[in-house]
Amino acid sequence: VIAVSAGVGGSAGLAGAVAVYTIENNTTSSIGARAEVFAARNVAVLANDFASVDSLVGSVGAGGSAGIGASVGIVIIDNKTYASVADGAKVTALGAGTGVDYVSDFNVTFSALSDSFKGAGLPDWDASGGLTASNATANNADSKVGLTASDARDVGLSLLTKTRNSETFTQTANGVVVNAAASNSIRSLEIGFGGGGSAAIALSGNVPVITADTRATIGAAQINKMAGVADARQSIIVAATSDIYNMGIAGAAAIGGGVGAGAGVTVTVVENTTKATVATGADMKAERDVNVTALSKADFVSFSAAAAGGGSVALAGGVGVVSLTSTTTAQLGGKTVAGGNVEVLADDQTRVASMAGSVSVGLGVAGVGGAISVLSIDKTTTAEILANANVTALGKDGTLSGYTGADMNSTTAVRGINIAATSGESNLTIAASAAGGLYAGISGVVTVQMHDINTSAKIGANALINQDASQPGAHADQDVVVTARDTSISNVYAGGLAVGFVGLAGTIDVGVIKTTTTAVIADGVNLTAKRNVRVNALSNKAGNSVIVAGAAGLVSIGAAIAIYDYGN
């Protein structure tokens, strides 16, 4: 999407460019209610949707007296991707022959920028603290969120200075596969310039709005209950996976003989739902494994910058806002008997890197500059066996990786049932403002991050676990593992400088990090395991804040304040 405008006038020049692009997709694959499907090999219900938008919007306004340039780019994506087996259906796949490929996840890596855009061009203004491009993570680093503030810094540097690549990660399974996979990517650049002999105004705005709903579901259906000799590889896969990426750049510059005003604003709003579910009332069996997995990844990059110069007064502001609401759910209800393992996994990883800055110089009277960065994350990640479910996993075919609970990372090989809800949030924020004026320089920087994170792994009330008549034949190392794990990390660098007869500079960094991490085997559960039962709730939080305020003038005031509230 490209929109460009220019306006030049002897007295006044006005230019405006607005680009609005909308994608609305409904991608559905289903087996309907009361349908009967039998296959000697495999049954695959697959729904895939991949959307990518690049947007460039620019404007230039120049006039002998006044120049105004404004550019706004709005991209709206509203996608639904559903794969389902409806209530009352009867579906059997014996699993013979070659298996079915399906998208179980997205593999995210970084690579060196291949075009002329050189990334953030980060100065080594805090080399002692590691804010240098050389500390960016390796290109093939794990996309899961780390445990330390340094990890937040390093992956943030990769997001700011490298190209992000996302590729589908496919697996092969025999039997019944219900799979929904969706990817949404927006990259946008908005630039506004204004120049005038008396006054100049430049504005740029970048507003991506993404609503994504990705679901793989089995209703109250019968799966693999028809007569037939099943292959030893027969499995049931219910997998939903999603990937979201947004990079938004908004820049504005204004130069006026009298007054110059510039503002660059990026506002990102995302609502993402990823669900893999098997309903209460389902009746399923598999010779090998039953996997119910919901995996979500989201990366955000925000650049907001403004510069203003005026013979008398200069005003400049850079604002970056990211708001994410994410729900990732894996649920298993009804009755399930697996000769191998049962895994119920929900995983949601979010990484954010943002830069906001402004420079304003008012030669005659005053320069006023401000930078604001706001991050809001509201996430619910749930993995559970539903109340009153009846689930048996004999553990006779292969092992899974399960958390031991000894620390945040230790795992071990397990057999049987593994229920895990894992969530990660990483944030790097860089915000700076400089202002200068003959009489007054005023600079303000505000950074805010708010996390409300709920991570839950559960076996619901009155569930029957490993109570099927086949249980005596279970592997001797049969386990039941329930794990909830969350890590929230952040690194903030913010500074303001003001120079003038009166210099006022203030920097405020606020963080409110609220997490609830719960692992539960509920009341009334009847559970048997031949080896271990583990219930783990693991929570990690790490933050680093470097804030600076500097003021120079006959009257000068500088203040820097950091306030953090961590709650469990």
Protein backbone atom coordinates (compact mmCIF):
# COMPACT_ATOMS: atom_id res chain seq x y z
CA VAL A 1 0.00 0.00 0.00
CA ILE A 2 1.57 3.30 -1.09
CA ALA A 3 0.15 6.81 -0.66
CA VAL A 4 2.24 9.92 -1.26
CA SER A 5 1.31 13.62 -1.49
CA ALA A 6 3.09 16.95 -1.86
CA GLY A 7 1.91 20.53 -1.65
CA VAL A 8 3.99 23.59 -2.53
CA GLY A 9 2.72 27.17 -2.52
CA GLY A 10 4.12 30.68 -2.66
CA SER A 11 2.19 31.53 0.47
CA ALA A 12 1.01 28.20 1.89
CA GLY A 13 1.70 24.59 1.06
CA LEU A 14 -0.65 21.87 2.25
CA ALA A 15 -0.18 18.13 1.75
CA GLY A 16 -1.98 15.16 3.20
CA ALA A 17 -1.85 11.45 2.53
CA VAL A 18 -4.13 8.85 4.08
CA ALA A 19 -4.06 5.13 3.34
CA VAL A 20 -6.67 2.76 4.75
CA TYR A 21 -6.39 -0.93 3.93
CA THR A 22 -8.68 -3.65 5.25
CA ILE A 23 -8.41 -7.44 5.11
CA GLU A 24 -11.28 -9.59 6.33
CA ASN A 25 -10.88 -13.32 5.81
CA ASN A 26 -12.92 -16.28 7.00
CA THR A 27 -11.10 -19.55 6.35
CA THR A 28 -13.01 -22.65 7.41
CA SER A 29 -12.49 -26.40 7.08
CA SER A 30 -14.96 -28.71 8.77
CA ILE A 31 -16.68 -32.05 9.11
CA GLY A 32 -20.32 -31.29 9.78
CA ALA A 33 -22.76 -32.43 12.43
CA ARG A 34 -23.73 -36.10 12.31
CA ALA A 35 -21.38 -36.79 9.39
CA GLU A 36 -19.80 -40.25 9.24
CA VAL A 37 -16.27 -40.47 7.85
CA PHE A 38 -14.10 -43.59 7.66
CA ALA A 39 -10.56 -43.82 6.25
CA ALA A 40 -8.10 -46.69 6.24
CA ARG A 41 -5.34 -44.07 6.25
CA ASN A 42 -5.87 -40.53 7.52
CA VAL A 43 -8.51 -37.84 7.96
CA ALA A 44 -7.20 -34.28 7.85
CA VAL A 45 -9.23 -31.12 8.52
CA LEU A 46 -6.85 -28.25 7.75
CA ALA A 47 -7.41 -24.48 7.66
CA ASN A 48 -4.52 -22.11 6.93
CA ASP A 49 -4.54 -18.33 6.47
CA PHE A 50 -1.53 -16.07 5.92
CA ALA A 51 -1.85 -12.29 5.54
CA SER A 52 0.97 -9.80 4.97
CA VAL A 53 0.72 -6.06 4.33
CA ASP A 54 3.44 -3.46 3.68
CA SER A 55 2.36 0.19 3.84
CA LEU A 56 4.18 3.40 2.88
CA VAL A 57 2.55 6.79 3.41
CA GLY A 58 4.32 10.13 3.01
CA SER A 59 3.56 13.82 2.65
CA VAL A 60 5.51 17.03 2.13
CA GLY A 61 4.07 20.52 2.56
CA ALA A 62 6.12 23.67 1.90
CA GLY A 63 5.08 27.30 1.61
CA GLY A 64 6.59 30.76 1.74
CA SER A 65 4.46 31.52 4.77
CA ALA A 66 3.13 28.18 6.06
CA GLY A 67 3.76 24.52 5.30
CA ILE A 68 1.67 21.63 6.56
CA GLY A 69 2.35 17.96 5.87
CA ALA A 70 0.34 15.10 7.35
CA SER A 71 0.36 11.37 6.65
CA VAL A 72 -1.71 8.62 8.24
CA GLY A 73 -1.65 4.90 7.53
CA ILE A 74 -4.36 2.59 8.88
CA VAL A 75 -4.28 -1.15 8.29
CA ILE A 76 -7.09 -3.33 9.65
CA ILE A 77 -6.92 -7.13 9.63
CA ASP A 78 -9.85 -9.20 10.85
CA ASN A 79 -9.22 -12.88 10.20
CA LYS A 80 -10.95 -16.03 11.39
CA THR A 81 -9.35 -19.42 10.77
CA TYR A 82 -11.38 -22.42 11.91
CA ALA A 83 -10.87 -26.18 11.57
CA SER A 84 -13.50 -28.31 13.22
CA VAL A 85 -15.30 -31.61 13.66
CA ALA A 86 -18.86 -30.82 14.69
CA ASP A 87 -21.08 -32.31 17.37
CA GLY A 88 -22.50 -35.73 16.57
CA ALA A 89 -19.93 -36.56 13.89
CA LYS A 90 -18.36 -40.01 13.70
CA VAL A 91 -14.82 -39.96 12.33
CA THR A 92 -12.39 -42.87 12.18
CA ALA A 93 -8.94 -42.95 10.59
CA LEU A 94 -7.00 -46.18 11.05
CA GLY A 95 -3.73 -44.38 10.37
CA ALA A 96 -2.15 -46.69 7.81
CA GLY A 97 0.27 -45.49 5.12
CA THR A 98 1.96 -42.11 4.85
CA GLY A 99 1.07 -39.56 7.50
CA VAL A 100 -0.38 -36.06 7.11
CA ASP A 101 1.73 -32.91 7.31
CA TYR A 102 0.26 -30.13 9.43
CA VAL A 103 1.42 -26.75 10.78
CA SER A 104 2.10 -27.21 14.48
CA ASP A 105 3.98 -23.95 15.08
CA PHE A 106 5.85 -21.04 13.51
CA ASN A 107 9.65 -20.93 13.52
CA VAL A 108 10.81 -17.33 14.10
CA THR A 109 14.42 -16.33 13.36
CA PHE A 110 16.41 -13.17 12.64
CA SER A 111 18.75 -12.27 9.81
CA ALA A 112 20.84 -9.27 8.81
CA LEU A 113 18.89 -6.52 7.08
CA SER A 114 19.09 -7.07 3.35
CA ASP A 115 17.88 -3.66 2.14
CA SER A 116 19.05 -0.07 2.53
CA PHE A 117 17.13 0.47 5.76
CA LYS A 118 19.72 0.11 8.49
CA GLY A 119 17.42 -0.48 11.40
CA ALA A 120 17.45 1.83 14.37
CA GLY A 121 21.06 2.88 13.87
CA LEU A 122 21.45 2.55 17.63
CA PRO A 123 24.11 4.76 19.18
CA ASP A 124 26.25 3.21 21.87
CA TRP A 125 24.98 5.78 24.37
CA ASP A 126 24.89 3.17 27.07
CA ALA A 127 27.59 0.77 25.97
CA SER A 128 28.42 0.02 29.61
CA GLY A 129 24.90 -1.32 30.07
CA GLY A 130 25.02 -3.39 26.90
CA LEU A 131 22.70 -1.29 24.74
CA THR A 132 24.71 -2.01 21.62
CA ALA A 133 23.77 -3.80 18.43
CA SER A 134 26.48 -6.39 19.09
CA ASN A 135 24.42 -7.71 22.02
CA ALA A 136 21.47 -8.66 19.84
CA THR A 137 20.51 -12.31 20.09
CA ALA A 138 21.82 -14.86 17.63
CA ASN A 139 19.81 -15.13 14.42
CA ASN A 140 18.60 -18.63 15.22
CA ALA A 141 17.95 -18.01 18.93
CA ASP A 142 14.99 -19.68 20.63
CA SER A 143 11.87 -17.54 20.24
CA LYS A 144 10.77 -18.26 23.80
CA VAL A 145 11.08 -15.40 26.28
CA GLY A 146 14.11 -15.60 28.56
CA LEU A 147 14.50 -15.06 32.31
CA THR A 148 16.62 -11.91 32.76
CA ALA A 149 16.43 -8.21 31.96
CA SER A 150 19.47 -8.71 29.74
CA ASP A 151 17.47 -11.23 27.72
CA ALA A 152 14.79 -8.57 27.19
CA ARG A 153 17.45 -6.12 26.04
CA ASP A 154 19.12 -8.56 23.66
CA VAL A 155 15.99 -9.82 21.90
CA GLY A 156 14.70 -6.26 21.73
CA LEU A 157 17.88 -5.24 19.93
CA SER A 158 17.30 -8.04 17.43
CA LEU A 159 13.78 -6.80 16.78
CA LEU A 160 15.09 -3.26 16.28
CA THR A 161 18.14 -3.97 14.14
CA LYS A 162 17.45 -7.19 12.24
CA THR A 163 14.95 -8.69 9.83
CA ARG A 164 12.41 -10.99 11.46
CA ASN A 165 11.62 -14.18 9.55
CA SER A 166 8.70 -16.48 10.23
CA GLU A 167 8.27 -19.89 8.63
CA THR A 168 5.75 -22.63 9.23
CA PHE A 169 6.98 -25.56 11.29
CA THR A 170 5.34 -28.76 10.08
CA GLN A 171 4.99 -32.16 11.67
CA THR A 172 3.63 -35.44 10.38
CA ALA A 173 0.96 -37.53 12.05
CA ASN A 174 -1.17 -40.58 11.24
CA GLY A 175 -4.85 -40.76 12.10
CA VAL A 176 -7.16 -37.78 12.64
CA VAL A 177 -5.66 -34.30 12.32
CA VAL A 178 -7.62 -31.10 12.99
CA ASN A 179 -5.36 -28.11 12.40
CA ALA A 180 -5.80 -24.34 12.14
CA ALA A 181 -2.81 -22.08 11.45
CA ALA A 182 -2.76 -18.33 10.86
CA SER A 183 -0.10 -15.68 10.36
CA ASN A 184 -0.65 -11.91 10.21
CA SER A 185 2.11 -9.42 9.44
CA ILE A 186 2.02 -5.63 9.01
CA ARG A 187 5.01 -3.43 8.25
CA SER A 188 4.35 0.27 7.81
CA LEU A 189 6.23 3.53 7.34
CA GLU A 190 4.59 6.96 7.68
CA ILE A 191 6.52 10.21 7.15
CA GLY A 192 5.34 13.81 7.29
CA PHE A 193 7.32 17.00 6.57
CA GLY A 194 6.30 20.64 6.82
CA GLY A 195 8.35 23.74 6.01
CA GLY A 196 7.25 27.38 6.05
CA GLY A 197 8.66 30.87 6.33
CA SER A 198 6.43 31.59 9.31
CA ALA A 199 4.92 28.32 10.51
CA ALA A 200 5.39 24.64 9.79
CA ILE A 201 3.39 21.66 11.00
CA ALA A 202 4.19 18.00 10.32
CA LEU A 203 2.20 15.01 11.52
CA SER A 204 2.52 11.28 10.92
CA GLY A 205 0.38 8.47 12.28
CA ASN A 206 0.58 4.71 12.05
CA VAL A 207 -2.44 2.71 13.25
CA PRO A 208 -2.50 -1.08 12.71
CA VAL A 209 -5.48 -2.96 14.12
CA ILE A 210 -5.34 -6.77 14.11
CA THR A 211 -8.10 -9.11 15.23
CA ALA A 212 -7.16 -12.75 14.76
CA ASP A 213 -9.16 -15.81 15.81
CA THR A 214 -7.58 -19.23 15.19
CA ARG A 215 -9.36 -22.36 16.39
CA ALA A 216 -9.07 -26.11 16.01
CA THR A 217 -11.98 -27.93 17.64
CA ILE A 218 -13.58 -31.33 18.06
CA GLY A 219 -17.13 -31.16 19.35
CA ALA A 220 -19.17 -33.86 21.03
CA ALA A 221 -18.05 -36.34 18.38
CA GLN A 222 -16.90 -39.98 18.24
CA ILE A 223 -13.32 -40.28 17.03
CA ASN A 224 -11.80 -43.64 16.03
CA LYS A 225 -14.74 -45.62 17.39
CA MET A 226 -15.74 -47.43 14.17
CA ALA A 227 -14.68 -51.03 13.59
CA GLY A 228 -11.28 -51.64 12.01
CA VAL A 229 -7.73 -52.64 12.83
CA ALA A 230 -5.84 -49.49 13.73
CA ASP A 231 -2.22 -48.89 12.79
CA ALA A 232 0.18 -48.59 15.74
CA ARG A 233 0.81 -44.96 14.69
CA GLN A 234 -2.85 -43.94 14.92
CA SER A 235 -3.08 -40.59 16.73
CA ILE A 236 -5.46 -37.68 17.24
CA ILE A 237 -4.07 -34.18 16.73
CA VAL A 238 -5.97 -31.01 17.55
CA ALA A 239 -3.59 -28.11 16.90
CA ALA A 240 -4.09 -24.35 16.62
CA THR A 241 -1.15 -22.02 16.04
CA SER A 242 -0.84 -18.31 15.31
CA ASP A 243 1.89 -15.78 14.60
CA ILE A 244 1.56 -11.98 14.63
CA TYR A 245 4.15 -9.40 13.65
CA ASN A 246 3.90 -5.64 13.46
CA MET A 247 6.59 -3.11 12.70
CA GLY A 248 5.40 0.49 12.66
CA ILE A 249 7.53 3.56 11.93
CA ALA A 250 6.17 7.11 12.20
CA GLY A 251 8.37 10.14 11.67
CA ALA A 252 7.66 13.85 11.37
CA ALA A 253 9.85 16.91 10.81
CA ALA A 254 8.83 20.56 10.77
CA ILE A 255 10.91 23.69 10.15
CA GLY A 256 9.32 27.13 10.42
CA GLY A 257 10.72 30.63 10.49
CA GLY A 258 8.47 31.41 13.42
CA VAL A 259 6.87 28.22 14.74
CA GLY A 260 7.66 24.57 14.02
CA ALA A 261 5.54 21.70 15.32
CA GLY A 262 5.97 17.97 14.62
CA ALA A 263 4.44 14.78 15.97
CA GLY A 264 5.01 11.11 15.15
CA VAL A 265 2.52 8.63 16.56
CA THR A 266 2.19 4.85 16.32
CA VAL A 267 -0.76 3.06 17.92
CA THR A 268 -0.95 -0.73 17.64
CA VAL A 269 -4.08 -2.57 18.80
CA VAL A 270 -4.16 -6.38 18.67
CA GLU A 271 -6.69 -8.92 19.88
CA ASN A 272 -5.52 -12.48 19.33
CA THR A 273 -7.36 -15.71 20.16
CA THR A 274 -5.78 -19.15 19.68
CA LYS A 275 -7.74 -22.19 20.83
CA ALA A 276 -7.47 -25.97 20.53
CA THR A 277 -10.38 -27.70 22.21
CA VAL A 278 -12.13 -31.04 22.57
CA ALA A 279 -15.63 -30.65 23.95
CA THR A 280 -17.31 -32.37 26.83
CA GLY A 281 -19.25 -35.23 25.25
CA ALA A 282 -16.44 -36.29 22.90
CA ASP A 283 -15.47 -39.98 22.90
CA MET A 284 -11.99 -40.66 21.47
CA LYS A 285 -9.35 -43.35 21.34
CA ALA A 286 -5.95 -43.66 19.69
CA GLU A 287 -3.39 -46.42 19.51
CA ARG A 288 -0.64 -43.85 19.94
CA ASP A 289 -0.94 -40.21 21.04
CA VAL A 290 -3.58 -37.54 21.59
CA ASN A 291 -2.24 -33.99 21.35
CA VAL A 292 -4.27 -30.85 22.00
CA THR A 293 -2.03 -27.83 21.46
CA ALA A 294 -2.55 -24.07 21.16
CA LEU A 295 0.62 -22.10 20.36
CA SER A 296 0.81 -18.33 19.88
CA LYS A 297 3.67 -15.96 19.04
CA ALA A 298 3.57 -12.17 18.72
CA ASP A 299 6.39 -9.68 18.08
CA PHE A 300 5.98 -5.89 17.96
CA VAL A 301 8.38 -3.15 16.87
CA SER A 302 7.48 0.53 17.23
CA PHE A 303 9.47 3.60 16.12
CA SER A 304 8.01 7.06 16.78
CA ALA A 305 10.06 10.18 16.21
CA ALA A 306 9.56 13.89 15.64
CA ALA A 307 11.83 16.87 15.07
CA ALA A 308 10.87 20.54 15.03
CA GLY A 309 12.76 23.77 14.54
CA GLY A 310 11.39 27.30 14.76
CA GLY A 311 12.80 30.80 14.76
CA SER A 312 10.63 31.48 17.77
CA VAL A 313 8.95 28.30 19.12
CA ALA A 314 9.45 24.60 18.38
CA LEU A 315 7.20 21.76 19.52
CA ALA A 316 7.95 18.06 18.93
CA GLY A 317 6.50 14.81 20.24
CA GLY A 318 6.98 11.09 19.62
CA VAL A 319 4.33 8.69 20.89
CA GLY A 320 4.28 4.88 20.70
CA VAL A 321 1.45 2.71 22.03
CA VAL A 322 1.10 -1.08 21.87
CA SER A 323 -2.04 -2.73 23.26
CA LEU A 324 -2.33 -6.52 23.17
CA THR A 325 -5.15 -8.74 24.40
CA SER A 326 -4.32 -12.42 23.93
CA THR A 327 -6.19 -15.61 24.82
CA THR A 328 -4.50 -18.97 24.26
CA THR A 329 -6.42 -22.06 25.32
CA ALA A 330 -5.94 -25.83 25.11
CA GLN A 331 -8.78 -27.92 26.58
CA LEU A 332 -9.56 -31.63 26.60
CA GLY A 333 -13.01 -32.80 27.64
CA GLY A 334 -15.05 -35.98 27.30
CA LYS A 335 -13.49 -39.44 27.25
CA THR A 336 -10.05 -40.19 25.81
CA VAL A 337 -7.99 -43.37 25.82
CA ALA A 338 -4.48 -43.27 24.31
CA GLY A 339 -2.01 -46.13 24.10
CA GLY A 340 0.79 -43.56 24.05
CA ASN A 341 0.74 -40.08 25.58
CA VAL A 342 -1.78 -37.28 26.05
CA GLU A 343 -0.46 -33.74 25.86
CA VAL A 344 -2.52 -30.62 26.51
CA LEU A 345 -0.33 -27.62 25.80
CA ALA A 346 -1.00 -23.86 25.66
CA ASP A 347 1.95 -21.57 24.94
CA ASP A 348 1.92 -17.79 24.36
CA GLN A 349 5.13 -15.81 23.75
CA THR A 350 5.12 -12.00 23.35
CA ARG A 351 8.12 -9.77 22.59
CA VAL A 352 8.08 -5.99 22.21
CA ALA A 353 10.72 -3.41 21.26
CA SER A 354 9.86 0.29 21.05
CA MET A 355 11.69 3.56 20.45
CA ALA A 356 10.16 7.01 20.93
CA GLY A 357 12.04 10.25 20.55
CA SER A 358 11.82 13.95 19.85
CA VAL A 359 14.12 16.90 19.19
CA SER A 360 12.92 20.50 19.27
CA VAL A 361 14.89 23.73 18.89
CA GLY A 362 13.24 27.13 19.27
CA LEU A 363 15.88 29.75 18.51
CA GLY A 364 13.90 32.76 19.70
CA VAL A 365 11.71 31.74 22.61
CA ALA A 366 11.26 28.10 23.56
CA GLY A 367 11.68 24.48 22.58
CA VAL A 368 9.29 21.88 23.93
CA GLY A 369 9.82 18.15 23.35
CA GLY A 370 8.18 15.01 24.60
CA ALA A 371 8.42 11.23 24.15
CA ILE A 372 5.80 8.78 25.37
CA SER A 373 5.86 4.99 25.21
CA VAL A 374 2.96 2.87 26.48
CA LEU A 375 2.73 -0.92 26.51
CA SER A 376 -0.37 -2.80 27.70
CA ILE A 377 -0.48 -6.60 27.71
CA ASP A 378 -3.51 -8.56 28.91
CA LYS A 379 -3.00 -12.30 28.48
CA THR A 380 -4.80 -15.46 29.54
CA THR A 381 -3.07 -18.78 28.83
CA THR A 382 -4.92 -21.94 29.86
CA ALA A 383 -4.23 -25.66 29.51
CA GLU A 384 -6.68 -28.03 31.15
CA ILE A 385 -8.46 -31.31 31.26
CA LEU A 386 -12.04 -30.27 31.84
CA ALA A 387 -14.17 -31.13 34.82
CA ASN A 388 -15.74 -34.62 34.70
CA ALA A 389 -13.46 -35.71 31.84
CA ASN A 390 -12.23 -39.31 31.65
CA VAL A 391 -8.67 -39.46 30.29
CA THR A 392 -6.25 -42.38 30.22
CA ALA A 393 -2.77 -42.35 28.68
CA LEU A 394 -0.87 -45.62 28.95
CA GLY A 395 2.47 -44.08 27.97
CA LYS A 396 3.61 -47.08 25.95
CA ASP A 397 4.99 -45.16 22.94
CA GLY A 398 7.78 -42.60 23.35
CA THR A 399 8.32 -39.78 25.86
CA LEU A 400 7.46 -36.11 26.26
CA SER A 401 9.42 -33.26 27.81
CA GLY A 402 7.92 -32.11 31.10
CA TYR A 403 9.02 -29.56 33.68
CA THR A 404 10.45 -30.97 36.90
CA GLY A 405 9.57 -27.93 39.04
CA ALA A 406 13.11 -27.74 40.43
CA ASP A 407 13.60 -24.36 38.73
CA MET A 408 12.23 -22.38 35.78
CA ASN A 409 13.94 -24.40 33.05
CA SER A 410 14.67 -27.97 34.20
CA THR A 411 12.83 -30.67 32.25
CA THR A 412 12.81 -34.42 32.17
CA ALA A 413 11.42 -37.19 29.98
CA VAL A 414 7.89 -38.16 30.98
CA ARG A 415 5.28 -40.64 29.79
CA GLY A 416 1.54 -40.51 30.12
CA ILE A 417 -0.20 -37.15 30.62
CA ASN A 418 1.49 -33.76 30.33
CA ILE A 419 -0.57 -30.59 30.85
CA ALA A 420 1.38 -27.34 30.46
CA ALA A 421 0.42 -23.67 30.21
CA THR A 422 3.45 -21.49 29.45
CA SER A 423 3.59 -17.75 28.88
CA GLY A 424 6.35 -15.22 28.29
CA GLU A 425 6.48 -11.42 27.99
CA SER A 426 9.57 -9.42 27.01
CA ASN A 427 9.86 -5.65 26.58
CA LEU A 428 12.66 -3.29 25.55
CA THR A 429 11.79 0.43 25.61
CA ILE A 430 14.07 3.26 24.53
CA ALA A 431 12.70 6.81 24.87
CA ALA A 432 14.53 10.11 24.59
CA SER A 433 13.69 13.78 24.26
CA ALA A 434 15.82 16.91 23.79
CA ALA A 435 14.59 20.50 23.77
CA GLY A 436 16.36 23.83 23.54
CA GLY A 437 15.23 27.47 23.47
CA LEU A 438 16.72 30.87 24.09
CA TYR A 439 14.39 31.48 27.01
CA ALA A 440 13.04 28.02 27.83
CA GLY A 441 13.75 24.41 27.09
CA ILE A 442 11.21 21.89 28.28
CA SER A 443 11.60 18.14 27.83
CA GLY A 444 9.47 15.29 29.14
CA VAL A 445 9.72 11.51 28.76
CA VAL A 446 7.11 9.05 30.02
CA THR A 447 7.28 5.27 29.68
CA VAL A 448 4.53 2.99 30.95
CA GLN A 449 4.20 -0.80 30.86
CA MET A 450 1.20 -2.63 32.26
CA HIS A 451 1.00 -6.43 32.36
CA ASP A 452 -2.01 -8.42 33.52
CA ILE A 453 -1.01 -12.04 32.98
CA ASN A 454 -2.99 -15.15 33.91
CA THR A 455 -1.43 -18.57 33.33
CA SER A 456 -3.28 -21.69 34.43
CA ALA A 457 -2.81 -25.46 34.11
CA LYS A 458 -5.53 -27.64 35.58
CA ILE A 459 -7.21 -30.99 35.91
CA GLY A 460 -10.84 -30.09 36.52
CA ALA A 461 -13.07 -31.24 39.34
CA ASN A 462 -14.21 -34.86 39.42
CA ALA A 463 -12.08 -35.86 36.44
CA LEU A 464 -11.07 -39.50 36.09
CA ILE A 465 -7.38 -39.82 35.20
CA ASN A 466 -5.97 -43.19 34.13
CA GLN A 467 -9.07 -45.08 35.30
CA ASP A 468 -9.86 -46.95 32.06
CA ALA A 469 -9.98 -50.76 32.12
CA SER A 470 -6.77 -50.77 30.07
CA GLN A 471 -4.80 -49.04 32.85
CA PRO A 472 -3.16 -52.25 34.19
CA GLY A 473 -1.25 -52.44 30.90
CA ALA A 474 0.28 -48.98 31.30
CA HIS A 475 4.02 -48.42 31.06
CA ALA A 476 5.85 -48.67 34.38
CA ASP A 477 7.06 -45.05 33.99
CA GLN A 478 3.58 -43.61 33.49
CA ASP A 479 3.43 -40.00 34.80
CA VAL A 480 0.97 -37.17 35.25
CA VAL A 481 2.50 -33.68 35.05
CA VAL A 482 0.64 -30.38 35.47
CA THR A 483 2.70 -27.20 34.95
CA ALA A 484 1.93 -23.49 34.78
CA ARG A 485 4.90 -21.27 33.91
CA ASP A 486 5.24 -17.53 33.27
CA THR A 487 8.22 -15.25 32.77
CA SER A 488 7.89 -11.45 32.46
CA ILE A 489 11.04 -9.45 31.75
CA SER A 490 11.73 -5.85 30.80
CA ASN A 491 14.50 -3.35 30.14
CA VAL A 492 13.87 0.40 29.90
CA TYR A 493 16.23 3.20 28.88
CA ALA A 494 14.75 6.70 29.06
CA GLY A 495 16.27 10.15 29.13
CA GLY A 496 15.42 13.82 28.69
CA LEU A 497 17.54 16.93 28.14
CA ALA A 498 16.45 20.57 28.26
CA VAL A 499 18.56 23.66 27.60
CA GLY A 500 17.50 27.30 27.93
CA PHE A 501 17.44 30.31 30.21
CA VAL A 502 14.98 28.08 32.03
CA GLY A 503 15.61 24.37 31.54
CA LEU A 504 13.07 21.84 32.72
CA ALA A 505 13.50 18.10 32.14
CA GLY A 506 11.57 15.19 33.57
CA THR A 507 11.65 11.42 33.00
CA ILE A 508 9.12 9.02 34.47
CA ASP A 509 9.17 5.23 34.09
CA VAL A 510 6.19 3.28 35.46
CA GLY A 511 5.73 -0.48 35.45
CA VAL A 512 2.78 -2.44 36.84
CA ILE A 513 3.41 -6.18 36.44
CA LYS A 514 0.60 -8.38 37.75
CA THR A 515 0.82 -12.14 37.24
CA THR A 516 -1.29 -15.08 38.38
CA THR A 517 0.29 -18.49 37.80
CA THR A 518 -1.72 -21.50 38.92
CA ALA A 519 -1.28 -25.29 38.66
CA VAL A 520 -4.14 -27.31 40.14
CA ILE A 521 -5.52 -30.80 40.49
CA ALA A 522 -9.04 -29.90 41.57
CA ASP A 523 -11.39 -31.41 44.14
CA GLY A 524 -12.85 -34.84 43.47
CA VAL A 525 -10.25 -35.96 40.92
CA ASN A 526 -9.56 -39.72 40.87
CA LEU A 527 -6.00 -40.10 39.58
CA THR A 528 -3.60 -43.00 39.14
CA ALA A 529 0.01 -42.95 37.89
CA LYS A 530 2.52 -45.81 37.94
CA ARG A 531 5.44 -43.44 38.50
CA ASN A 532 5.27 -39.70 39.29
CA VAL A 533 2.65 -37.01 39.77
CA ARG A 534 4.07 -33.48 39.49
CA VAL A 535 2.18 -30.20 40.00
CA ASN A 536 4.36 -27.15 39.23
CA ALA A 537 3.62 -23.42 39.38
CA LEU A 538 6.63 -21.44 38.15
CA SER A 539 6.83 -17.64 38.00
CA ASN A 540 9.72 -15.35 37.08
CA LYS A 541 9.98 -11.57 36.86
CA ALA A 542 13.03 -9.45 36.05
CA GLY A 543 13.34 -5.76 35.24
CA ASN A 544 15.96 -3.08 34.64
CA SER A 545 15.30 0.65 34.41
CA VAL A 546 17.91 3.24 33.41
CA ILE A 547 16.44 6.75 33.48
CA VAL A 548 18.16 10.11 33.12
CA ALA A 549 17.04 13.74 33.18
CA GLY A 550 19.33 16.67 32.44
CA ALA A 551 18.64 20.41 32.49
CA ALA A 552 20.94 23.36 31.79
CA GLY A 553 20.12 27.03 32.27
CA LEU A 554 20.23 29.90 34.69
CA VAL A 555 17.18 28.20 36.20
CA SER A 556 17.30 24.44 35.69
CA ILE A 557 15.38 21.52 37.14
CA GLY A 558 15.86 17.87 36.25
CA ALA A 559 14.02 14.92 37.75
CA ALA A 560 13.98 11.18 36.99
CA ILE A 561 11.56 8.80 38.71
CA ALA A 562 11.00 5.06 38.33
CA ILE A 563 8.02 3.31 39.95
CA TYR A 564 7.48 -0.45 39.67
CA ASP A 565 4.76 -2.58 41.22
CA TYR A 566 5.23 -6.34 40.96
CA GLY A 567 2.38 -8.51 42.18
CA ASN A 568 1.54 -12.23 42.28
